[in-house]
Amino acid sequence: MSGEPTDSINEFFYSLKTYSFVVADAIDKQADSLAGTIRDTLSKSEWIPESARPTPRRIPVPERMFNAVGSGGRGGWLDRNKWTFAMVAVGVAVVVGATGYGYSKRKKDKKKRRAKKAGNGGRREVVVIAGGSPHDPISKSLALDLERRGFIVYVVVNSIEDEHVVANEGRSDIKPLNIDILDTDNAQTAVEKFTTYLSTPTHAFPGAHPHNLNLAGVILVPDLTYPTGPVETTPIDLWSDVLNVKILSTVVTAKSFLRVLCDFHSRLLLLTPNVISPLSPPFHAPETVTVAALGGLATSLHRELAPLGVEVCHFKLGTFDCSAMIARQQQDRINAARAEILSWAAPARIAYARNYIALSQKSGNSGPAGIKGSSLRELHLAVFDALTDEKPRRVWRVGSGSMIYEALGKVMPGGLVSWMLGSARKNGNGGRKEEGMIMGLCGLGSASGSAGTSEGSVEWERV
């Protein structure tokens, strides 16, 4: 009884091997037949000089691979069903490949992921999370998961309030690291003290043999929330804040840790969103510009630090299920868009408001509306692998839409992207009528007005 499964498996692989040879022979003979046909056609073409014509060569008719099935059949079974057989073979290959990929993925997901410990059983691997707020769900989730897997996690903060947020987590191995990024001298001094701490032997518990710590990596998580709106109505101060907080502060943070990263041959991980920016949609210029700049920073740092033994991994994030209040967040986003429109000048409202509201209903800062995000566990596993794999990938795409939207952004025409996002060309109606319709979209229009309203109020109420 024990030999029956083995015999079945052997018979299956033998049959698969046999049919593979049959398909290969059929493909070879079809290719030879096509080449002979082309050669024969060119040899008879009068528009080709006689000296350049190939000599005709007939390919012998191939023998039938299978005997005729039934008394009325003249050809072999494969000749009569070659396309069906080819499609079946391709389907089998796809199924086998998908099964193998799924099996390897499940096996990798079930792999035990724990940080290395010191000889005395204490924790020795240190991870620094910087660039984002301690309130950020991505940063907070990563800190908690890495601590559960045996890391000592330091969260970079720059205020007493943020220190209290980290301390209130109640985890002894999640600690605040106070570094004022705005003060470069202070930041450099704080990092030097941190390096000294890492190089000093520590005791896991009283009486334990001292051991040295190791910096596994630094994870840069810039704030993933970006302002939206037309470039015409976006204040210069807001542009300055975005560029300073999300780009310049990331550069300063990375620069401050470069020396300690080189000393410990650690990893540098940079996380950026990858759903909105690849499409470069309207009203998302700050995010598009920032993500493109951070992507260039990751590529440049990789080429600079790879010869020094420091791996730089760029995480391109899709959409994650960070909250159960997705519908409420979407409605709040739409209400905020409508309120923002009221602060624009009348020409800007007429030009942009309709498309801005349509886009707000279809997308948000984290991705298209109505699409369920991936579990944060996917990000946790990918970050752990990037910190511990011997040769990690340079680019990691994690989360719903992280790969497909980047591919669509590269191959899809711009007009089709705008249509998908709800953009429409402004019609030729008068400005007052268009503005009244926009006020209706914002929920401020009314079919009837009171007699005591002013002239301006009556204008807003025309829909």
Protein backbone atom coordinates (compact mmCIF):
# COMPACT_ATOMS: atom_id res chain seq x y z
CA MET A 1 0.00 0.00 0.00
CA SER A 2 2.83 2.36 0.81
CA GLY A 3 4.24 2.06 -2.72
CA GLU A 4 1.03 3.09 -4.56
CA PRO A 5 1.40 6.89 -4.11
CA THR A 6 5.02 6.69 -5.21
CA ASP A 7 4.08 4.68 -8.31
CA SER A 8 1.35 7.21 -9.16
CA ILE A 9 3.76 10.12 -8.82
CA ASN A 10 6.38 8.38 -10.96
CA GLU A 11 3.78 7.60 -13.61
CA PHE A 12 2.58 11.23 -13.60
CA PHE A 13 6.10 12.62 -14.09
CA TYR A 14 6.83 10.00 -16.77
CA SER A 15 3.70 11.02 -18.67
CA LEU A 16 4.55 14.71 -18.26
CA LYS A 17 8.04 14.06 -19.59
CA THR A 18 6.69 12.12 -22.56
CA TYR A 19 4.21 14.82 -23.53
CA SER A 20 6.91 17.48 -23.10
CA PHE A 21 9.05 15.69 -25.69
CA VAL A 22 6.05 15.41 -27.99
CA VAL A 23 5.34 19.16 -27.71
CA ALA A 24 9.00 20.01 -28.32
CA ASP A 25 9.13 17.83 -31.44
CA ALA A 26 5.93 19.37 -32.74
CA ILE A 27 7.25 22.90 -32.24
CA ASP A 28 10.54 22.06 -33.98
CA LYS A 29 8.78 20.56 -36.98
CA GLN A 30 6.37 23.49 -37.25
CA ALA A 31 9.30 25.93 -37.17
CA ASP A 32 11.15 23.96 -39.84
CA SER A 33 8.04 23.85 -41.99
CA LEU A 34 7.54 27.61 -41.69
CA ALA A 35 11.18 28.32 -42.54
CA GLY A 36 10.94 26.07 -45.62
CA THR A 37 7.76 27.80 -46.77
CA ILE A 38 9.36 31.25 -46.45
CA ARG A 39 12.47 30.06 -48.30
CA ASP A 40 10.41 28.55 -51.11
CA THR A 41 8.31 31.70 -51.44
CA LEU A 42 11.35 33.96 -51.64
CA SER A 43 12.98 31.71 -54.26
CA LYS A 44 9.98 32.28 -56.55
CA SER A 45 9.65 36.03 -55.94
CA GLU A 46 10.42 38.00 -59.09
CA TRP A 47 11.06 41.27 -57.26
CA ILE A 48 14.20 39.75 -55.72
CA PRO A 49 17.28 39.66 -58.00
CA GLU A 50 18.01 36.16 -59.23
CA SER A 51 21.47 36.23 -57.70
CA ALA A 52 19.97 36.99 -54.28
CA ARG A 53 17.18 34.41 -54.38
CA PRO A 54 17.59 31.46 -52.05
CA THR A 55 17.62 28.05 -53.62
CA PRO A 56 14.33 26.23 -53.11
CA ARG A 57 14.48 23.48 -50.59
CA ARG A 58 11.57 21.31 -49.73
CA ILE A 59 11.19 19.97 -46.24
CA PRO A 60 10.14 16.31 -46.19
CA VAL A 61 6.64 15.72 -44.97
CA PRO A 62 6.93 14.64 -41.28
CA GLU A 63 5.74 11.24 -40.30
CA ARG A 64 2.62 10.96 -38.20
CA MET A 65 3.38 10.82 -34.51
CA PHE A 66 0.26 8.91 -33.71
CA ASN A 67 -1.69 6.35 -35.66
CA ALA A 68 -5.05 7.35 -37.00
CA VAL A 69 -7.82 7.14 -34.45
CA GLY A 70 -10.76 5.29 -35.95
CA SER A 71 -11.17 3.90 -39.39
CA GLY A 72 -12.04 7.22 -41.00
CA GLY A 73 -9.05 9.20 -39.73
CA ARG A 74 -6.28 9.97 -42.25
CA GLY A 75 -3.92 12.04 -40.10
CA GLY A 76 -2.45 11.62 -36.65
CA TRP A 77 -4.22 12.77 -33.51
CA LEU A 78 -1.64 15.47 -32.82
CA ASP A 79 -1.98 16.97 -36.31
CA ARG A 80 -5.73 17.28 -35.90
CA ASN A 81 -5.57 18.66 -32.35
CA LYS A 82 -2.22 20.42 -32.20
CA TRP A 83 -3.61 23.78 -31.04
CA THR A 84 -5.77 22.17 -28.39
CA PHE A 85 -2.82 20.16 -27.19
CA ALA A 86 -0.59 23.26 -27.10
CA MET A 87 -3.17 25.19 -25.05
CA VAL A 88 -3.52 22.30 -22.64
CA ALA A 89 0.26 22.08 -22.28
CA VAL A 90 0.51 25.82 -21.58
CA GLY A 91 -2.32 25.56 -19.05
CA VAL A 92 -0.57 22.70 -17.29
CA ALA A 93 2.67 24.66 -17.19
CA VAL A 94 0.90 27.70 -15.71
CA VAL A 95 -0.87 25.61 -13.08
CA VAL A 96 2.35 23.84 -12.11
CA GLY A 97 4.23 27.15 -11.91
CA ALA A 98 1.51 28.86 -9.87
CA THR A 99 1.33 25.89 -7.53
CA GLY A 100 5.07 25.92 -7.02
CA TYR A 101 5.08 29.68 -6.41
CA GLY A 102 2.22 29.42 -3.93
CA TYR A 103 3.93 26.59 -2.09
CA SER A 104 7.23 28.47 -1.84
CA LYS A 105 5.41 31.64 -0.68
CA ARG A 106 3.50 29.76 2.02
CA LYS A 107 6.70 28.08 3.13
CA LYS A 108 8.45 31.45 3.31
CA ASP A 109 5.57 33.04 5.22
CA LYS A 110 5.63 30.23 7.76
CA LYS A 111 9.36 30.59 8.28
CA LYS A 112 10.22 31.40 11.86
CA ARG A 113 11.46 34.97 12.02
CA ARG A 114 13.29 35.81 15.22
CA ALA A 115 16.17 38.19 15.81
CA LYS A 116 19.52 36.72 16.79
CA LYS A 117 20.27 36.67 20.50
CA ALA A 118 23.48 37.01 22.45
CA GLY A 119 25.22 34.03 24.01
CA ASN A 120 23.64 34.81 27.38
CA GLY A 121 20.13 34.85 25.88
CA GLY A 122 19.78 38.63 25.89
CA ARG A 123 18.72 40.82 22.99
CA ARG A 124 21.52 42.15 20.83
CA GLU A 125 19.95 43.33 17.55
CA VAL A 126 19.01 47.03 17.47
CA VAL A 127 16.71 48.76 14.98
CA VAL A 128 16.12 52.51 14.65
CA ILE A 129 12.83 53.83 13.24
CA ALA A 130 13.09 57.46 12.16
CA GLY A 131 11.37 60.01 9.98
CA GLY A 132 7.75 59.55 10.98
CA SER A 133 5.60 60.51 13.91
CA PRO A 134 5.19 57.99 16.77
CA HIS A 135 1.44 58.32 16.09
CA ASP A 136 1.88 57.12 12.49
CA PRO A 137 0.22 53.66 12.16
CA ILE A 138 3.01 52.29 9.95
CA SER A 139 5.80 53.36 12.33
CA LYS A 140 3.91 52.19 15.40
CA SER A 141 3.02 48.83 13.88
CA LEU A 142 6.61 48.20 12.75
CA ALA A 143 7.98 49.07 16.19
CA LEU A 144 5.61 46.68 17.96
CA ASP A 145 6.23 43.84 15.53
CA LEU A 146 10.03 44.15 15.57
CA GLU A 147 9.99 44.23 19.38
CA ARG A 148 7.93 41.03 19.42
CA ARG A 149 10.48 39.39 17.15
CA GLY A 150 13.35 40.07 19.52
CA PHE A 151 14.75 43.43 18.43
CA ILE A 152 15.59 46.42 20.61
CA VAL A 153 13.69 49.23 18.88
CA TYR A 154 14.62 52.90 19.13
CA VAL A 155 12.09 55.42 17.83
CA VAL A 156 13.52 58.81 16.90
CA VAL A 157 11.62 61.66 18.57
CA ASN A 158 12.26 65.39 18.82
CA SER A 159 9.93 66.50 21.62
CA ILE A 160 8.95 65.58 25.16
CA GLU A 161 5.42 64.79 24.00
CA ASP A 162 6.69 62.23 21.49
CA GLU A 163 8.88 60.68 24.19
CA HIS A 164 5.81 60.18 26.34
CA VAL A 165 3.96 58.57 23.43
CA VAL A 166 6.75 56.00 23.00
CA ALA A 167 7.06 55.43 26.75
CA ASN A 168 3.30 54.90 27.09
CA GLU A 169 3.56 51.81 24.90
CA GLY A 170 4.77 50.04 28.02
CA ARG A 171 7.43 47.99 26.20
CA SER A 172 10.84 47.93 27.81
CA ASP A 173 12.56 47.27 24.47
CA ILE A 174 10.84 50.10 22.59
CA LYS A 175 12.75 53.22 23.58
CA PRO A 176 12.77 56.85 22.46
CA LEU A 177 15.88 58.30 20.85
CA ASN A 178 15.78 62.09 21.13
CA ILE A 179 17.38 63.65 18.05
CA ASP A 180 16.54 67.18 16.93
CA ILE A 181 16.81 66.87 13.17
CA LEU A 182 16.36 70.63 12.72
CA ASP A 183 19.62 71.21 14.59
CA THR A 184 22.28 69.36 12.59
CA ASP A 185 24.98 69.77 15.25
CA ASN A 186 22.66 68.42 17.94
CA ALA A 187 21.64 65.54 15.69
CA GLN A 188 25.25 64.60 15.01
CA THR A 189 26.11 64.70 18.72
CA ALA A 190 23.10 62.55 19.61
CA VAL A 191 24.04 59.95 16.98
CA GLU A 192 27.64 59.87 18.26
CA LYS A 193 26.38 59.15 21.78
CA PHE A 194 24.15 56.44 20.37
CA THR A 195 27.13 54.90 18.56
CA THR A 196 29.11 54.89 21.82
CA TYR A 197 26.22 53.16 23.54
CA LEU A 198 26.14 50.46 20.86
CA SER A 199 29.89 49.88 21.17
CA THR A 200 29.79 49.54 24.96
CA PRO A 201 29.18 46.01 26.36
CA THR A 202 25.84 45.74 28.09
CA HIS A 203 24.28 43.35 30.62
CA ALA A 204 21.01 41.64 29.71
CA PHE A 205 20.19 41.22 33.41
CA PRO A 206 22.07 41.59 36.71
CA GLY A 207 24.88 39.08 36.92
CA ALA A 208 24.77 38.18 33.22
CA HIS A 209 27.89 38.08 31.10
CA PRO A 210 28.20 41.36 29.14
CA HIS A 211 27.63 41.31 25.40
CA ASN A 212 27.90 43.80 22.54
CA LEU A 213 24.94 45.18 20.63
CA ASN A 214 24.62 45.21 16.86
CA LEU A 215 22.78 47.77 14.74
CA ALA A 216 20.66 45.73 12.33
CA GLY A 217 19.39 48.74 10.42
CA VAL A 218 17.75 52.15 10.26
CA ILE A 219 14.20 52.39 8.89
CA LEU A 220 13.21 55.77 7.44
CA VAL A 221 9.44 56.26 7.40
CA PRO A 222 8.68 59.78 6.11
CA ASP A 223 5.18 61.04 6.84
CA LEU A 224 2.93 59.26 4.32
CA THR A 225 0.18 61.92 4.39
CA TYR A 226 0.39 64.57 1.67
CA PRO A 227 -1.65 67.70 0.96
CA THR A 228 -3.81 67.77 -2.16
CA GLY A 229 -5.14 70.52 -4.35
CA PRO A 230 -4.33 72.48 -7.50
CA VAL A 231 -0.82 73.87 -7.79
CA GLU A 232 -2.36 77.30 -8.40
CA THR A 233 -4.06 77.36 -4.99
CA THR A 234 -1.32 75.58 -2.98
CA PRO A 235 0.47 78.19 -0.83
CA ILE A 236 4.24 78.44 -1.16
CA ASP A 237 4.52 77.98 2.61
CA LEU A 238 2.83 74.59 2.28
CA TRP A 239 5.26 73.58 -0.47
CA SER A 240 8.14 74.64 1.76
CA ASP A 241 6.80 72.58 4.68
CA VAL A 242 6.35 69.50 2.50
CA LEU A 243 9.82 69.70 1.01
CA ASN A 244 11.46 70.40 4.37
CA VAL A 245 9.59 67.81 6.45
CA LYS A 246 9.49 64.97 3.94
CA ILE A 247 12.63 65.42 1.84
CA LEU A 248 15.14 67.57 3.68
CA SER A 249 14.54 65.98 7.08
CA THR A 250 14.87 62.51 5.51
CA VAL A 251 18.18 63.51 3.96
CA VAL A 252 19.44 64.93 7.27
CA THR A 253 18.35 61.82 9.17
CA ALA A 254 20.04 59.49 6.70
CA LYS A 255 23.16 61.63 6.70
CA SER A 256 23.36 61.55 10.50
CA PHE A 257 23.30 57.74 10.61
CA LEU A 258 25.56 57.01 7.64
CA ARG A 259 28.76 56.68 9.66
CA VAL A 260 27.30 54.28 12.22
CA LEU A 261 25.68 52.29 9.40
CA CYS A 262 29.07 51.88 7.74
CA ASP A 263 30.72 50.91 11.05
CA PHE A 264 28.22 48.10 11.68
CA HIS A 265 27.56 47.19 8.00
CA SER A 266 23.87 47.71 8.71
CA ARG A 267 20.87 48.13 6.42
CA LEU A 268 19.10 51.36 5.47
CA LEU A 269 15.39 50.99 4.62
CA LEU A 270 13.40 53.83 3.03
CA LEU A 271 9.59 53.56 2.86
CA THR A 272 7.58 55.61 0.35
CA PRO A 273 4.00 55.34 -1.01
CA ASN A 274 3.62 53.81 -4.47
CA VAL A 275 -0.04 54.04 -5.47
CA ILE A 276 -0.81 57.69 -6.17
CA SER A 277 2.63 58.88 -7.27
CA PRO A 278 3.20 56.43 -10.21
CA LEU A 279 -0.01 57.68 -11.84
CA SER A 280 0.94 61.36 -11.32
CA PRO A 281 -2.75 62.31 -11.03
CA PRO A 282 -3.98 65.89 -10.89
CA PHE A 283 -4.03 67.69 -7.54
CA HIS A 284 -1.27 65.42 -6.10
CA ALA A 285 1.78 67.39 -7.19
CA PRO A 286 3.35 67.52 -3.67
CA GLU A 287 3.25 63.74 -3.33
CA THR A 288 4.45 63.13 -6.89
CA VAL A 289 7.41 65.48 -6.49
CA THR A 290 8.35 64.21 -3.03
CA VAL A 291 8.19 60.51 -3.86
CA ALA A 292 10.22 61.01 -7.03
CA ALA A 293 12.89 62.87 -5.03
CA LEU A 294 13.02 60.18 -2.33
CA GLY A 295 13.27 57.47 -4.97
CA GLY A 296 16.26 59.24 -6.47
CA LEU A 297 17.78 59.54 -3.01
CA ALA A 298 17.40 55.79 -2.42
CA THR A 299 19.06 54.94 -5.75
CA SER A 300 21.95 57.33 -5.18
CA LEU A 301 22.53 56.09 -1.61
CA HIS A 302 22.49 52.49 -2.82
CA ARG A 303 25.26 53.18 -5.31
CA GLU A 304 27.29 55.11 -2.76
CA LEU A 305 27.00 52.68 0.15
CA ALA A 306 27.00 49.28 -1.59
CA PRO A 307 30.82 49.27 -1.93
CA LEU A 308 31.02 49.98 1.83
CA GLY A 309 28.91 46.97 2.78
CA VAL A 310 25.69 48.89 3.51
CA GLU A 311 22.57 47.67 1.71
CA VAL A 312 19.91 50.29 0.89
CA CYS A 313 16.40 48.88 0.39
CA HIS A 314 13.62 51.02 -1.09
CA PHE A 315 10.15 49.91 0.03
CA LYS A 316 7.39 51.01 -2.33
CA LEU A 317 4.20 50.73 -0.31
CA GLY A 318 0.72 50.02 -1.55
CA THR A 319 -2.48 50.32 0.46
CA PHE A 320 -2.71 48.74 3.91
CA ASP A 321 -5.68 48.07 6.12
CA CYS A 322 -4.63 50.37 8.95
CA SER A 323 -8.07 51.26 10.24
CA ALA A 324 -11.58 49.87 10.45
CA MET A 325 -12.99 53.35 9.78
CA ILE A 326 -12.18 53.47 6.06
CA ALA A 327 -15.66 54.68 5.05
CA ARG A 328 -15.60 57.41 7.70
CA GLN A 329 -12.14 58.51 6.59
CA GLN A 330 -13.29 58.66 2.98
CA GLN A 331 -16.29 60.83 3.88
CA ASP A 332 -14.09 63.09 6.01
CA ARG A 333 -11.75 63.45 3.04
CA ILE A 334 -14.60 64.49 0.75
CA ASN A 335 -15.93 66.99 3.32
CA ALA A 336 -12.43 68.43 3.73
CA ALA A 337 -12.13 68.80 -0.06
CA ARG A 338 -15.43 70.66 -0.21
CA ALA A 339 -14.41 72.95 2.62
CA GLU A 340 -11.08 73.64 0.95
CA ILE A 341 -12.79 74.63 -2.29
CA LEU A 342 -14.60 77.43 -0.48
CA SER A 343 -11.24 79.03 0.36
CA TRP A 344 -10.22 79.25 -3.29
CA ALA A 345 -10.72 82.31 -5.45
CA ALA A 346 -13.67 82.21 -7.82
CA PRO A 347 -11.58 81.59 -11.00
CA ALA A 348 -9.83 78.65 -9.31
CA ARG A 349 -13.17 77.19 -8.21
CA ILE A 350 -14.50 77.38 -11.75
CA ALA A 351 -11.35 75.81 -13.20
CA TYR A 352 -10.61 73.00 -10.75
CA ALA A 353 -13.45 72.32 -8.32
CA ARG A 354 -15.44 69.77 -10.33
CA ASN A 355 -12.44 67.54 -11.10
CA TYR A 356 -11.06 67.97 -7.58
CA ILE A 357 -14.26 66.68 -6.00
CA ALA A 358 -14.45 63.80 -8.48
CA LEU A 359 -10.88 62.80 -7.66
CA SER A 360 -11.51 63.09 -3.92
CA GLN A 361 -14.37 60.62 -4.25
CA LYS A 362 -12.17 58.13 -6.11
CA SER A 363 -8.93 58.34 -4.18
CA GLY A 364 -7.26 59.41 -0.99
CA ASN A 365 -3.76 59.82 0.33
CA SER A 366 -3.25 56.08 0.70
CA GLY A 367 -4.81 54.90 -2.55
CA PRO A 368 -8.02 54.46 -4.51
CA ALA A 369 -11.21 54.44 -2.53
CA GLY A 370 -13.09 51.19 -2.18
CA ILE A 371 -9.97 48.99 -2.40
CA LYS A 372 -9.26 46.93 0.69
CA GLY A 373 -5.69 47.27 1.82
CA SER A 374 -3.32 44.41 2.51
CA SER A 375 -2.60 43.18 5.99
CA LEU A 376 0.26 44.93 7.73
CA ARG A 377 1.73 41.48 8.33
CA GLU A 378 3.02 41.54 4.73
CA LEU A 379 5.01 44.65 5.54
CA HIS A 380 6.28 43.18 8.82
CA LEU A 381 7.61 40.06 7.09
CA ALA A 382 9.20 42.05 4.26
CA VAL A 383 10.95 44.45 6.65
CA PHE A 384 12.30 41.57 8.74
CA ASP A 385 13.63 39.83 5.61
CA ALA A 386 15.24 43.04 4.38
CA LEU A 387 17.00 43.42 7.74
CA THR A 388 18.20 39.83 7.99
CA ASP A 389 18.57 38.32 4.49
CA GLU A 390 22.13 37.85 3.33
CA LYS A 391 21.46 39.56 -0.01
CA PRO A 392 18.22 41.55 0.21
CA ARG A 393 16.48 42.99 -2.82
CA ARG A 394 17.09 46.64 -3.58
CA VAL A 395 13.41 47.41 -4.31
CA TRP A 396 10.51 45.87 -2.36
CA ARG A 397 6.91 46.35 -3.48
CA VAL A 398 4.56 45.56 -0.61
CA GLY A 399 0.83 46.18 -0.23
CA SER A 400 -2.22 46.28 -2.48
CA GLY A 401 -1.58 48.11 -5.72
CA SER A 402 2.12 48.69 -5.13
CA MET A 403 3.07 46.87 -8.34
CA ILE A 404 0.05 47.17 -10.61
CA TYR A 405 -0.28 50.95 -10.33
CA GLU A 406 3.40 51.44 -11.07
CA ALA A 407 3.03 49.28 -14.18
CA LEU A 408 -0.12 51.15 -15.24
CA GLY A 409 1.61 54.48 -14.75
CA LYS A 410 4.35 53.46 -17.17
CA VAL A 411 2.20 52.02 -19.98
CA MET A 412 -1.20 53.71 -19.67
CA PRO A 413 -1.83 56.91 -21.69
CA GLY A 414 -2.27 60.05 -19.62
CA GLY A 415 -5.74 60.71 -20.98
CA LEU A 416 -6.93 57.29 -19.86
CA VAL A 417 -5.51 57.86 -16.37
CA SER A 418 -7.40 61.17 -16.14
CA TRP A 419 -10.61 59.50 -17.29
CA MET A 420 -10.25 56.73 -14.70
CA LEU A 421 -9.75 59.33 -11.97
CA GLY A 422 -12.91 61.18 -12.98
CA SER A 423 -11.32 64.23 -14.63
CA ALA A 424 -13.35 65.98 -17.32
CA ARG A 425 -12.70 68.94 -19.57
CA LYS A 426 -14.42 72.16 -18.54
CA ASN A 427 -17.31 73.05 -20.78
CA GLY A 428 -17.89 76.43 -22.33
CA ASN A 429 -20.73 77.60 -20.05
CA GLY A 430 -20.55 80.91 -18.31
CA GLY A 431 -18.59 81.33 -15.12
CA ARG A 432 -21.63 82.14 -12.95
CA LYS A 433 -23.54 79.03 -14.00
CA GLU A 434 -20.44 76.85 -13.58
CA GLU A 435 -19.77 78.30 -10.14
CA GLY A 436 -23.37 77.71 -9.09
CA MET A 437 -23.12 74.07 -10.11
CA ILE A 438 -19.90 73.74 -8.14
CA MET A 439 -21.56 75.16 -5.06
CA GLY A 440 -24.23 72.52 -5.52
CA LEU A 441 -21.56 69.82 -5.58
CA CYS A 442 -20.19 71.26 -2.36
CA GLY A 443 -23.60 70.97 -0.74
CA LEU A 444 -24.14 74.71 -0.42
CA GLY A 445 -26.66 75.22 -3.21
CA SER A 446 -30.40 75.51 -2.71
CA ALA A 447 -33.25 75.47 -5.13
CA SER A 448 -35.05 78.24 -3.25
CA GLY A 449 -33.76 81.27 -1.39
CA SER A 450 -35.25 83.50 1.25
CA ALA A 451 -36.40 86.97 0.39
CA GLY A 452 -34.04 88.56 2.84
CA THR A 453 -30.86 87.14 1.38
CA SER A 454 -28.27 89.43 -0.10
CA GLU A 455 -27.36 89.50 -3.76
CA GLY A 456 -24.22 87.45 -3.09
CA SER A 457 -26.23 84.76 -1.30
CA VAL A 458 -28.69 84.50 -4.16
CA GLU A 459 -25.77 84.00 -6.55
CA TRP A 460 -24.40 81.12 -4.46
CA GLU A 461 -27.82 79.46 -4.40
CA ARG A 462 -28.32 79.28 -8.15
CA VAL A 463 -27.82 75.68 -9.25
